[in-house]
Amino acid sequence: MSRSCDVCGKGRLSGNNVSHSNRHTRRVWSANIKKVKAVVNGSPKRISVCTRCLRSNKVERAI
């Protein structure tokens, strides 16, 4: 499954886990990506879209 949005390009962010003793280890945050069937150029196609784009109606869902 694709880990980036095909509409806005949102993907993974990286940073640090910081423990109580202030030790730093690397970690990643993944975007909330869903595979949906959407209308692309007039025909239905399955694309990966983040939930923010789904909620803000940037994608026309195909039924």
C-alpha atoms as a PDB file:
ATOM      1  CA  MET A   1       0.000   0.000   0.000  1.00  0.00           C
ATOM      2  CA  SER A   2       1.253   3.436  -0.914  1.00  0.00           C
ATOM      3  CA  ARG A   3       2.247   5.533   2.070  1.00  0.00           C
ATOM      4  CA  SER A   4       1.644   8.931   0.476  1.00  0.00           C
ATOM      5  CA  CYS A   5      -1.494  10.728  -0.657  1.00  0.00           C
ATOM      6  CA  ASP A   6      -2.022  10.921  -4.428  1.00  0.00           C
ATOM      7  CA  VAL A   7      -3.907  14.238  -4.024  1.00  0.00           C
ATOM      8  CA  CYS A   8      -1.831  16.374  -1.632  1.00  0.00           C
ATOM      9  CA  GLY A   9       1.380  14.322  -1.379  1.00  0.00           C
ATOM     10  CA  LYS A  10       1.248  13.953   2.395  1.00  0.00           C
ATOM     11  CA  GLY A  11       3.510  11.124   3.506  1.00  0.00           C
ATOM     12  CA  ARG A  12       5.695   9.994   6.382  1.00  0.00           C
ATOM     13  CA  LEU A  13       7.297  12.347   8.912  1.00  0.00           C
ATOM     14  CA  SER A  14      10.318  11.422  10.974  1.00  0.00           C
ATOM     15  CA  GLY A  15      11.404  12.498  14.416  1.00  0.00           C
ATOM     16  CA  ASN A  16      12.533  11.184  17.767  1.00  0.00           C
ATOM     17  CA  ASN A  17      11.069   9.097  20.550  1.00  0.00           C
ATOM     18  CA  VAL A  18      12.158  10.839  23.740  1.00  0.00           C
ATOM     19  CA  SER A  19      12.172   8.699  26.870  1.00  0.00           C
ATOM     20  CA  HIS A  20      11.790   9.868  30.443  1.00  0.00           C
ATOM     21  CA  SER A  21      15.589   9.752  30.777  1.00  0.00           C
ATOM     22  CA  ASN A  22      15.788  11.974  27.649  1.00  0.00           C
ATOM     23  CA  ARG A  23      17.275   9.296  25.370  1.00  0.00           C
ATOM     24  CA  HIS A  24      16.440   9.907  21.703  1.00  0.00           C
ATOM     25  CA  THR A  25      15.658   7.149  19.202  1.00  0.00           C
ATOM     26  CA  ARG A  26      14.350   7.665  15.686  1.00  0.00           C
ATOM     27  CA  ARG A  27      10.723   7.004  14.798  1.00  0.00           C
ATOM     28  CA  VAL A  28       8.267   7.749  11.986  1.00  0.00           C
ATOM     29  CA  TRP A  29       4.683   8.981  11.816  1.00  0.00           C
ATOM     30  CA  SER A  30       2.651   7.644   8.901  1.00  0.00           C
ATOM     31  CA  ALA A  31      -0.188   9.579   7.308  1.00  0.00           C
ATOM     32  CA  ASN A  32      -3.679   8.070   7.553  1.00  0.00           C
ATOM     33  CA  ILE A  33      -3.869   6.743   3.972  1.00  0.00           C
ATOM     34  CA  LYS A  34      -6.894   4.888   2.578  1.00  0.00           C
ATOM     35  CA  LYS A  35      -7.326   3.153  -0.785  1.00  0.00           C
ATOM     36  CA  VAL A  36     -10.519   4.526  -2.342  1.00  0.00           C
ATOM     37  CA  LYS A  37     -12.192   4.254  -5.702  1.00  0.00           C
ATOM     38  CA  ALA A  38     -12.383   7.792  -7.070  1.00  0.00           C
ATOM     39  CA  VAL A  39     -13.286   9.484 -10.327  1.00  0.00           C
ATOM     40  CA  VAL A  40     -10.075  10.491 -12.119  1.00  0.00           C
ATOM     41  CA  ASN A  41     -10.376  12.124 -15.564  1.00  0.00           C
ATOM     42  CA  GLY A  42     -13.968  10.908 -15.869  1.00  0.00           C
ATOM     43  CA  SER A  43     -13.298   7.231 -15.120  1.00  0.00           C
ATOM     44  CA  PRO A  44     -13.186   5.351 -11.802  1.00  0.00           C
ATOM     45  CA  LYS A  45      -9.733   4.476 -10.519  1.00  0.00           C
ATOM     46  CA  ARG A  46      -8.360   3.150  -7.226  1.00  0.00           C
ATOM     47  CA  ILE A  47      -6.028   5.710  -5.614  1.00  0.00           C
ATOM     48  CA  SER A  48      -4.423   6.268  -2.216  1.00  0.00           C
ATOM     49  CA  VAL A  49      -5.855   9.294  -0.423  1.00  0.00           C
ATOM     50  CA  CYS A  50      -5.309  10.726   3.066  1.00  0.00           C
ATOM     51  CA  THR A  51      -8.358  11.116   5.269  1.00  0.00           C
ATOM     52  CA  ARG A  52      -7.941  14.893   5.362  1.00  0.00           C
ATOM     53  CA  CYS A  53      -8.485  15.054   1.580  1.00  0.00           C
ATOM     54  CA  LEU A  54     -11.480  12.694   1.864  1.00  0.00           C
ATOM     55  CA  ARG A  55     -13.056  14.793   4.604  1.00  0.00           C
ATOM     56  CA  SER A  56     -12.558  18.096   2.763  1.00  0.00           C
ATOM     57  CA  ASN A  57     -14.118  16.702  -0.474  1.00  0.00           C
ATOM     58  CA  LYS A  58     -10.967  17.111  -2.578  1.00  0.00           C
ATOM     59  CA  VAL A  59     -11.766  13.670  -4.049  1.00  0.00           C
ATOM     60  CA  GLU A  60     -14.945  12.653  -5.865  1.00  0.00           C
ATOM     61  CA  ARG A  61     -15.756   9.102  -4.758  1.00  0.00           C
ATOM     62  CA  ALA A  62     -16.890   6.600  -7.382  1.00  0.00           C
ATOM     63  CA  ILE A  63     -19.786   4.335  -6.428  1.00  0.00           C
END
